[in-house]
Amino acid sequence: MAAAIQPLPVTSVLFACTYNIIRSPMAAGILRHFHGNRLFVDSVGVRESDEVDPFAVVVMEELGMDISRHRPKTFEELEDTSFDLIISLSPEAHHRALELTRTMACDVEFWNTFDPTLVEGNREAMLEAYRKVRDGLMERVKDRFPTQRGPMV
């Protein structure tokens, strides 16, 4: 009987969304929070943008995660392109991630994640939309990358 082939462990993850200002920085911040330096984590967007979304910074700070120093970048600005896994969070980013698999040996997962900028209303309504995105990403990250015992290095 042949032994089942075990997938290689994931050691580097790239989160991708449309602008790299809300969803992908949140997901990267969450994964870093739970896994420290055990995994190499980066995030990227399909389109250029100037700075991380202030609402994303606020809702992440509520959980003690600081993404305020994040600087958005595009796929073209990536310094390292050897990732084990790309997790795309928007349809546009998913198409771009799949294109990368032509030249990069990596897996791609699509976690279709709502864009909270589509919600209209007062500040509290906006924050609630961002919290829902954050909490959904937190759940997905915890499920996909369970924490192990031992200190983070």
N, C-alpha and C. Protein backbone atom coordinates (compact mmCIF):
# COMPACT_ATOMS: atom_id res chain seq x y z
N MET A 1 0.85 -1.18 0.00
CA MET A 1 0.00 0.00 0.00
C MET A 1 0.89 1.24 0.00
N ALA A 2 0.64 2.16 -0.89
CA ALA A 2 1.46 3.37 -1.01
C ALA A 2 1.10 4.35 0.10
N ALA A 3 2.12 5.01 0.61
CA ALA A 3 1.90 6.02 1.66
C ALA A 3 1.26 7.26 1.03
N ALA A 4 0.37 7.86 1.77
CA ALA A 4 -0.26 9.09 1.30
C ALA A 4 0.78 10.21 1.27
N ILE A 5 0.74 11.00 0.24
CA ILE A 5 1.68 12.12 0.14
C ILE A 5 1.16 13.26 1.01
N GLN A 6 2.00 13.67 1.94
CA GLN A 6 1.62 14.77 2.84
C GLN A 6 2.00 16.10 2.19
N PRO A 7 1.12 17.10 2.24
CA PRO A 7 1.48 18.40 1.68
C PRO A 7 2.61 19.02 2.50
N LEU A 8 3.46 19.76 1.82
CA LEU A 8 4.54 20.45 2.51
C LEU A 8 3.96 21.52 3.42
N PRO A 9 4.61 21.78 4.55
CA PRO A 9 4.09 22.81 5.43
C PRO A 9 4.21 24.20 4.79
N VAL A 10 3.26 25.04 5.09
CA VAL A 10 3.29 26.41 4.58
C VAL A 10 4.25 27.21 5.44
N THR A 11 5.23 27.86 4.80
CA THR A 11 6.19 28.68 5.53
C THR A 11 6.13 30.15 5.12
N SER A 12 5.44 30.43 4.00
CA SER A 12 5.32 31.82 3.55
C SER A 12 3.95 32.03 2.90
N VAL A 13 3.30 33.11 3.32
CA VAL A 13 1.94 33.40 2.88
C VAL A 13 1.85 34.83 2.35
N LEU A 14 1.21 34.99 1.22
CA LEU A 14 0.94 36.30 0.66
C LEU A 14 -0.57 36.50 0.62
N PHE A 15 -1.06 37.55 1.29
CA PHE A 15 -2.46 37.92 1.21
C PHE A 15 -2.59 38.99 0.13
N ALA A 16 -3.62 38.87 -0.70
CA ALA A 16 -3.80 39.82 -1.80
C ALA A 16 -5.25 40.29 -1.85
N CYS A 17 -5.40 41.60 -2.04
CA CYS A 17 -6.74 42.17 -2.26
C CYS A 17 -6.62 43.25 -3.33
N THR A 18 -7.61 44.09 -3.44
CA THR A 18 -7.63 45.04 -4.54
C THR A 18 -6.64 46.19 -4.35
N TYR A 19 -6.67 46.84 -3.17
CA TYR A 19 -5.81 48.01 -2.96
C TYR A 19 -4.74 47.83 -1.88
N ASN A 20 -4.75 46.74 -1.14
CA ASN A 20 -3.79 46.49 -0.07
C ASN A 20 -3.86 47.56 1.02
N ILE A 21 -5.11 47.98 1.33
CA ILE A 21 -5.28 48.99 2.38
C ILE A 21 -6.24 48.56 3.48
N ILE A 22 -7.00 47.47 3.28
CA ILE A 22 -7.96 47.03 4.30
C ILE A 22 -7.83 45.53 4.54
N ARG A 23 -8.34 44.74 3.60
CA ARG A 23 -8.47 43.30 3.82
C ARG A 23 -7.13 42.57 3.94
N SER A 24 -6.24 42.77 2.99
CA SER A 24 -4.98 42.02 3.04
C SER A 24 -4.08 42.48 4.20
N PRO A 25 -3.98 43.78 4.53
CA PRO A 25 -3.19 44.14 5.71
C PRO A 25 -3.80 43.59 7.01
N MET A 26 -5.14 43.56 7.08
CA MET A 26 -5.79 42.98 8.26
C MET A 26 -5.43 41.50 8.39
N ALA A 27 -5.59 40.76 7.30
CA ALA A 27 -5.32 39.32 7.33
C ALA A 27 -3.85 39.05 7.68
N ALA A 28 -2.94 39.82 7.09
CA ALA A 28 -1.51 39.65 7.38
C ALA A 28 -1.23 39.98 8.84
N GLY A 29 -1.85 41.04 9.36
CA GLY A 29 -1.65 41.41 10.76
C GLY A 29 -2.16 40.34 11.71
N ILE A 30 -3.28 39.73 11.37
CA ILE A 30 -3.85 38.67 12.21
C ILE A 30 -2.92 37.45 12.20
N LEU A 31 -2.47 37.05 11.01
CA LEU A 31 -1.59 35.88 10.93
C LEU A 31 -0.28 36.13 11.68
N ARG A 32 0.28 37.32 11.53
CA ARG A 32 1.51 37.66 12.27
C ARG A 32 1.27 37.63 13.78
N HIS A 33 0.11 38.11 14.19
CA HIS A 33 -0.22 38.15 15.62
C HIS A 33 -0.20 36.75 16.23
N PHE A 34 -0.76 35.80 15.52
CA PHE A 34 -0.86 34.44 16.05
C PHE A 34 0.38 33.59 15.80
N HIS A 35 1.17 33.92 14.80
CA HIS A 35 2.30 33.06 14.45
C HIS A 35 3.66 33.74 14.49
N GLY A 36 3.69 35.03 14.80
CA GLY A 36 4.97 35.71 14.92
C GLY A 36 5.85 35.48 13.71
N ASN A 37 7.08 35.06 13.97
CA ASN A 37 8.04 34.83 12.90
C ASN A 37 8.07 33.38 12.41
N ARG A 38 7.13 32.57 12.84
CA ARG A 38 7.09 31.17 12.36
C ARG A 38 6.82 31.11 10.86
N LEU A 39 6.07 32.10 10.37
CA LEU A 39 5.74 32.17 8.95
C LEU A 39 6.19 33.52 8.40
N PHE A 40 6.62 33.52 7.14
CA PHE A 40 6.86 34.79 6.46
C PHE A 40 5.51 35.22 5.90
N VAL A 41 5.09 36.43 6.23
CA VAL A 41 3.77 36.92 5.82
C VAL A 41 3.94 38.27 5.14
N ASP A 42 3.26 38.44 4.02
CA ASP A 42 3.27 39.73 3.33
C ASP A 42 1.87 39.95 2.75
N SER A 43 1.64 41.17 2.28
CA SER A 43 0.35 41.47 1.65
C SER A 43 0.59 42.41 0.49
N VAL A 44 -0.37 42.38 -0.44
CA VAL A 44 -0.21 43.10 -1.69
C VAL A 44 -1.57 43.42 -2.27
N GLY A 45 -1.60 44.40 -3.17
CA GLY A 45 -2.84 44.75 -3.86
C GLY A 45 -2.65 44.74 -5.36
N VAL A 46 -3.75 44.70 -6.07
CA VAL A 46 -3.71 44.74 -7.53
C VAL A 46 -3.47 46.18 -7.99
N ARG A 47 -4.10 47.13 -7.31
CA ARG A 47 -4.02 48.54 -7.70
C ARG A 47 -3.23 49.35 -6.67
N GLU A 48 -2.65 50.45 -7.13
CA GLU A 48 -1.87 51.32 -6.25
C GLU A 48 -2.77 52.08 -5.28
N SER A 49 -2.23 52.34 -4.10
CA SER A 49 -2.89 53.18 -3.11
C SER A 49 -1.82 53.81 -2.24
N ASP A 50 -2.22 54.83 -1.49
CA ASP A 50 -1.23 55.60 -0.73
C ASP A 50 -1.04 55.15 0.71
N GLU A 51 -2.13 54.87 1.41
CA GLU A 51 -1.97 54.55 2.83
C GLU A 51 -3.06 53.60 3.30
N VAL A 52 -2.76 52.92 4.39
CA VAL A 52 -3.71 51.98 4.98
C VAL A 52 -4.96 52.75 5.41
N ASP A 53 -6.11 52.12 5.29
CA ASP A 53 -7.39 52.72 5.64
C ASP A 53 -7.46 52.97 7.16
N PRO A 54 -7.79 54.20 7.59
CA PRO A 54 -7.85 54.51 9.02
C PRO A 54 -8.84 53.65 9.81
N PHE A 55 -9.96 53.28 9.20
CA PHE A 55 -10.93 52.42 9.90
C PHE A 55 -10.33 51.03 10.15
N ALA A 56 -9.54 50.54 9.20
CA ALA A 56 -8.88 49.24 9.38
C ALA A 56 -7.90 49.31 10.55
N VAL A 57 -7.17 50.42 10.64
CA VAL A 57 -6.22 50.60 11.75
C VAL A 57 -6.96 50.59 13.08
N VAL A 58 -8.08 51.32 13.16
CA VAL A 58 -8.85 51.42 14.41
C VAL A 58 -9.37 50.06 14.86
N VAL A 59 -10.00 49.30 13.96
CA VAL A 59 -10.59 48.03 14.39
C VAL A 59 -9.52 46.99 14.73
N MET A 60 -8.37 47.08 14.11
CA MET A 60 -7.28 46.16 14.46
C MET A 60 -6.70 46.54 15.83
N GLU A 61 -6.59 47.83 16.10
CA GLU A 61 -6.09 48.29 17.40
C GLU A 61 -7.00 47.85 18.53
N GLU A 62 -8.30 47.72 18.25
CA GLU A 62 -9.24 47.24 19.27
C GLU A 62 -8.83 45.88 19.81
N LEU A 63 -8.13 45.09 19.00
CA LEU A 63 -7.69 43.76 19.42
C LEU A 63 -6.18 43.72 19.71
N GLY A 64 -5.57 44.88 19.81
CA GLY A 64 -4.15 44.95 20.13
C GLY A 64 -3.23 44.62 18.97
N MET A 65 -3.70 44.80 17.74
CA MET A 65 -2.89 44.54 16.56
C MET A 65 -2.65 45.85 15.83
N ASP A 66 -1.38 46.19 15.63
CA ASP A 66 -1.03 47.47 15.02
C ASP A 66 -0.65 47.29 13.55
N ILE A 67 -1.49 47.84 12.67
CA ILE A 67 -1.16 47.82 11.24
C ILE A 67 -0.92 49.24 10.72
N SER A 68 -0.74 50.18 11.64
CA SER A 68 -0.63 51.59 11.26
C SER A 68 0.61 51.89 10.41
N ARG A 69 1.65 51.09 10.53
CA ARG A 69 2.87 51.33 9.76
C ARG A 69 2.87 50.62 8.40
N HIS A 70 1.78 49.93 8.09
CA HIS A 70 1.69 49.23 6.80
C HIS A 70 1.76 50.23 5.65
N ARG A 71 2.53 49.89 4.64
CA ARG A 71 2.62 50.69 3.42
C ARG A 71 2.12 49.85 2.26
N PRO A 72 1.02 50.27 1.63
CA PRO A 72 0.45 49.48 0.53
C PRO A 72 1.44 49.31 -0.63
N LYS A 73 1.37 48.13 -1.24
CA LYS A 73 2.19 47.88 -2.43
C LYS A 73 1.40 47.00 -3.39
N THR A 74 1.85 47.03 -4.63
CA THR A 74 1.21 46.23 -5.67
C THR A 74 2.02 44.96 -5.91
N PHE A 75 1.46 44.06 -6.70
CA PHE A 75 2.16 42.84 -7.08
C PHE A 75 3.51 43.18 -7.71
N GLU A 76 3.55 44.23 -8.52
CA GLU A 76 4.79 44.60 -9.21
C GLU A 76 5.87 45.07 -8.24
N GLU A 77 5.48 45.53 -7.07
CA GLU A 77 6.44 46.03 -6.09
C GLU A 77 6.93 44.97 -5.10
N LEU A 78 6.45 43.75 -5.23
CA LEU A 78 6.90 42.68 -4.33
C LEU A 78 8.39 42.45 -4.47
N GLU A 79 9.09 42.42 -3.35
CA GLU A 79 10.53 42.15 -3.38
C GLU A 79 10.79 40.64 -3.43
N ASP A 80 9.96 39.88 -2.74
CA ASP A 80 10.11 38.42 -2.70
C ASP A 80 8.89 37.81 -3.39
N THR A 81 9.13 36.94 -4.34
CA THR A 81 7.99 36.31 -5.03
C THR A 81 7.99 34.80 -4.85
N SER A 82 8.62 34.31 -3.79
CA SER A 82 8.56 32.87 -3.54
C SER A 82 7.71 32.61 -2.32
N PHE A 83 6.45 32.39 -2.56
CA PHE A 83 5.49 32.10 -1.50
C PHE A 83 4.97 30.68 -1.68
N ASP A 84 4.68 30.04 -0.55
CA ASP A 84 4.06 28.71 -0.61
C ASP A 84 2.58 28.83 -0.92
N LEU A 85 1.99 29.93 -0.45
CA LEU A 85 0.54 30.08 -0.54
C LEU A 85 0.18 31.55 -0.76
N ILE A 86 -0.69 31.79 -1.73
CA ILE A 86 -1.27 33.11 -1.92
C ILE A 86 -2.75 32.99 -1.58
N ILE A 87 -3.22 33.84 -0.69
CA ILE A 87 -4.63 33.87 -0.33
C ILE A 87 -5.21 35.17 -0.87
N SER A 88 -6.08 35.04 -1.85
CA SER A 88 -6.70 36.22 -2.46
C SER A 88 -8.02 36.49 -1.77
N LEU A 89 -8.28 37.78 -1.56
CA LEU A 89 -9.45 38.20 -0.78
C LEU A 89 -10.47 38.96 -1.62
N SER A 90 -10.17 39.19 -2.89
CA SER A 90 -11.11 39.83 -3.81
C SER A 90 -11.00 39.15 -5.16
N PRO A 91 -12.06 39.18 -5.96
CA PRO A 91 -12.01 38.51 -7.27
C PRO A 91 -10.86 39.02 -8.14
N GLU A 92 -10.65 40.32 -8.15
CA GLU A 92 -9.57 40.90 -8.96
C GLU A 92 -8.20 40.37 -8.51
N ALA A 93 -8.00 40.30 -7.21
CA ALA A 93 -6.73 39.78 -6.68
C ALA A 93 -6.59 38.28 -6.99
N HIS A 94 -7.70 37.57 -6.98
CA HIS A 94 -7.64 36.14 -7.28
C HIS A 94 -7.16 35.90 -8.71
N HIS A 95 -7.67 36.66 -9.65
CA HIS A 95 -7.23 36.52 -11.04
C HIS A 95 -5.73 36.80 -11.16
N ARG A 96 -5.28 37.84 -10.47
CA ARG A 96 -3.85 38.20 -10.52
C ARG A 96 -3.00 37.09 -9.86
N ALA A 97 -3.48 36.54 -8.75
CA ALA A 97 -2.75 35.46 -8.06
C ALA A 97 -2.63 34.23 -8.96
N LEU A 98 -3.70 33.90 -9.65
CA LEU A 98 -3.65 32.75 -10.55
C LEU A 98 -2.66 32.96 -11.69
N GLU A 99 -2.55 34.20 -12.17
CA GLU A 99 -1.56 34.51 -13.21
C GLU A 99 -0.15 34.24 -12.69
N LEU A 100 0.10 34.52 -11.41
CA LEU A 100 1.42 34.30 -10.84
C LEU A 100 1.82 32.83 -10.83
N THR A 101 0.84 31.95 -10.78
CA THR A 101 1.16 30.52 -10.72
C THR A 101 1.80 30.02 -12.02
N ARG A 102 1.77 30.83 -13.06
CA ARG A 102 2.46 30.46 -14.31
C ARG A 102 3.98 30.48 -14.11
N THR A 103 4.44 31.36 -13.22
CA THR A 103 5.88 31.51 -13.01
C THR A 103 6.32 31.17 -11.60
N MET A 104 5.38 30.91 -10.72
CA MET A 104 5.69 30.62 -9.31
C MET A 104 4.98 29.34 -8.91
N ALA A 105 5.72 28.44 -8.29
CA ALA A 105 5.12 27.20 -7.80
C ALA A 105 4.52 27.46 -6.43
N CYS A 106 3.23 27.73 -6.39
CA CYS A 106 2.56 28.00 -5.12
C CYS A 106 1.10 27.61 -5.23
N ASP A 107 0.49 27.47 -4.08
CA ASP A 107 -0.95 27.22 -4.03
C ASP A 107 -1.68 28.56 -3.92
N VAL A 108 -2.91 28.59 -4.40
CA VAL A 108 -3.74 29.79 -4.31
C VAL A 108 -5.07 29.39 -3.70
N GLU A 109 -5.50 30.15 -2.70
CA GLU A 109 -6.83 29.96 -2.11
C GLU A 109 -7.59 31.26 -2.26
N PHE A 110 -8.89 31.14 -2.49
CA PHE A 110 -9.74 32.32 -2.64
C PHE A 110 -10.67 32.43 -1.44
N TRP A 111 -10.45 33.45 -0.63
CA TRP A 111 -11.33 33.75 0.51
C TRP A 111 -12.09 35.02 0.14
N ASN A 112 -13.16 34.90 -0.58
CA ASN A 112 -13.91 36.08 -1.02
C ASN A 112 -14.36 36.87 0.21
N THR A 113 -13.85 38.07 0.36
CA THR A 113 -14.07 38.88 1.55
C THR A 113 -14.74 40.19 1.18
N PHE A 114 -15.81 40.50 1.87
CA PHE A 114 -16.59 41.72 1.62
C PHE A 114 -15.71 42.96 1.73
N ASP A 115 -15.94 43.93 0.86
CA ASP A 115 -15.25 45.22 0.92
C ASP A 115 -16.07 46.17 1.80
N PRO A 116 -15.58 46.49 3.01
CA PRO A 116 -16.38 47.30 3.94
C PRO A 116 -16.57 48.75 3.49
N THR A 117 -15.82 49.19 2.49
CA THR A 117 -16.03 50.57 2.01
C THR A 117 -17.35 50.71 1.27
N LEU A 118 -18.00 49.59 0.96
CA LEU A 118 -19.29 49.64 0.27
C LEU A 118 -20.44 49.99 1.22
N VAL A 119 -20.18 49.93 2.52
CA VAL A 119 -21.20 50.25 3.51
C VAL A 119 -21.28 51.76 3.67
N GLU A 120 -22.50 52.26 3.68
CA GLU A 120 -22.70 53.70 3.89
C GLU A 120 -23.32 53.90 5.26
N GLY A 121 -23.10 55.07 5.83
CA GLY A 121 -23.68 55.38 7.12
C GLY A 121 -22.74 56.20 7.97
N ASN A 122 -23.08 56.29 9.25
CA ASN A 122 -22.26 57.07 10.17
C ASN A 122 -20.99 56.30 10.55
N ARG A 123 -20.16 56.93 11.37
CA ARG A 123 -18.88 56.33 11.76
C ARG A 123 -19.08 54.96 12.40
N GLU A 124 -20.05 54.83 13.28
CA GLU A 124 -20.27 53.55 13.96
C GLU A 124 -20.69 52.45 12.99
N ALA A 125 -21.53 52.79 12.01
CA ALA A 125 -21.94 51.82 11.00
C ALA A 125 -20.73 51.37 10.18
N MET A 126 -19.86 52.31 9.86
CA MET A 126 -18.65 51.98 9.11
C MET A 126 -17.74 51.07 9.94
N LEU A 127 -17.52 51.44 11.20
CA LEU A 127 -16.66 50.63 12.06
C LEU A 127 -17.21 49.21 12.21
N GLU A 128 -18.52 49.10 12.32
CA GLU A 128 -19.13 47.77 12.46
C GLU A 128 -18.87 46.92 11.21
N ALA A 129 -18.94 47.52 10.04
CA ALA A 129 -18.65 46.78 8.80
C ALA A 129 -17.20 46.31 8.79
N TYR A 130 -16.29 47.15 9.22
CA TYR A 130 -14.87 46.77 9.27
C TYR A 130 -14.63 45.68 10.32
N ARG A 131 -15.34 45.77 11.45
CA ARG A 131 -15.20 44.73 12.47
C ARG A 131 -15.65 43.37 11.94
N LYS A 132 -16.75 43.37 11.17
CA LYS A 132 -17.24 42.10 10.61
C LYS A 132 -16.20 41.50 9.67
N VAL A 133 -15.57 42.33 8.86
CA VAL A 133 -14.51 41.84 7.98
C VAL A 133 -13.35 41.31 8.80
N ARG A 134 -12.91 42.08 9.81
CA ARG A 134 -11.81 41.66 10.68
C ARG A 134 -12.12 40.34 11.35
N ASP A 135 -13.31 40.21 11.92
CA ASP A 135 -13.68 39.00 12.64
C ASP A 135 -13.79 37.80 11.70
N GLY A 136 -14.30 38.02 10.49
CA GLY A 136 -14.36 36.94 9.51
C GLY A 136 -12.97 36.48 9.10
N LEU A 137 -12.07 37.43 8.90
CA LEU A 137 -10.69 37.07 8.56
C LEU A 137 -10.01 36.35 9.72
N MET A 138 -10.30 36.80 10.94
CA MET A 138 -9.71 36.15 12.12
C MET A 138 -10.13 34.68 12.18
N GLU A 139 -11.40 34.43 11.94
CA GLU A 139 -11.91 33.06 11.97
C GLU A 139 -11.24 32.20 10.89
N ARG A 140 -11.14 32.75 9.69
CA ARG A 140 -10.51 32.00 8.58
C ARG A 140 -9.04 31.72 8.87
N VAL A 141 -8.32 32.73 9.38
CA VAL A 141 -6.90 32.55 9.69
C VAL A 141 -6.71 31.49 10.77
N LYS A 142 -7.52 31.55 11.82
CA LYS A 142 -7.39 30.56 12.90
C LYS A 142 -7.70 29.15 12.41
N ASP A 143 -8.69 29.02 11.52
CA ASP A 143 -9.02 27.70 10.97
C ASP A 143 -7.92 27.18 10.06
N ARG A 144 -7.39 28.04 9.22
CA ARG A 144 -6.40 27.62 8.22
C ARG A 144 -5.00 27.43 8.81
N PHE A 145 -4.68 28.24 9.83
CA PHE A 145 -3.34 28.21 10.43
C PHE A 145 -3.46 28.05 11.94
N PRO A 146 -3.83 26.85 12.41
CA PRO A 146 -4.00 26.65 13.85
C PRO A 146 -2.72 26.95 14.60
N THR A 147 -2.87 27.54 15.76
CA THR A 147 -1.68 27.86 16.56
C THR A 147 -1.15 26.61 17.22
N GLN A 148 0.14 26.59 17.39
CA GLN A 148 0.81 25.45 18.03
C GLN A 148 1.34 25.94 19.37
N ARG A 149 1.61 25.00 20.21
CA ARG A 149 2.18 25.36 21.51
C ARG A 149 3.63 25.80 21.33
N GLY A 150 4.08 26.62 22.27
CA GLY A 150 5.47 27.06 22.23
C GLY A 150 5.55 28.54 21.94
N PRO A 151 6.68 29.14 22.29
CA PRO A 151 6.81 30.59 22.11
C PRO A 151 6.95 30.97 20.64
N MET A 152 6.50 32.18 20.33
CA MET A 152 6.72 32.73 18.99
C MET A 152 8.14 33.28 18.97
N VAL A 153 8.82 33.02 17.90
CA VAL A 153 10.21 33.47 17.79
C VAL A 153 10.26 34.77 17.02
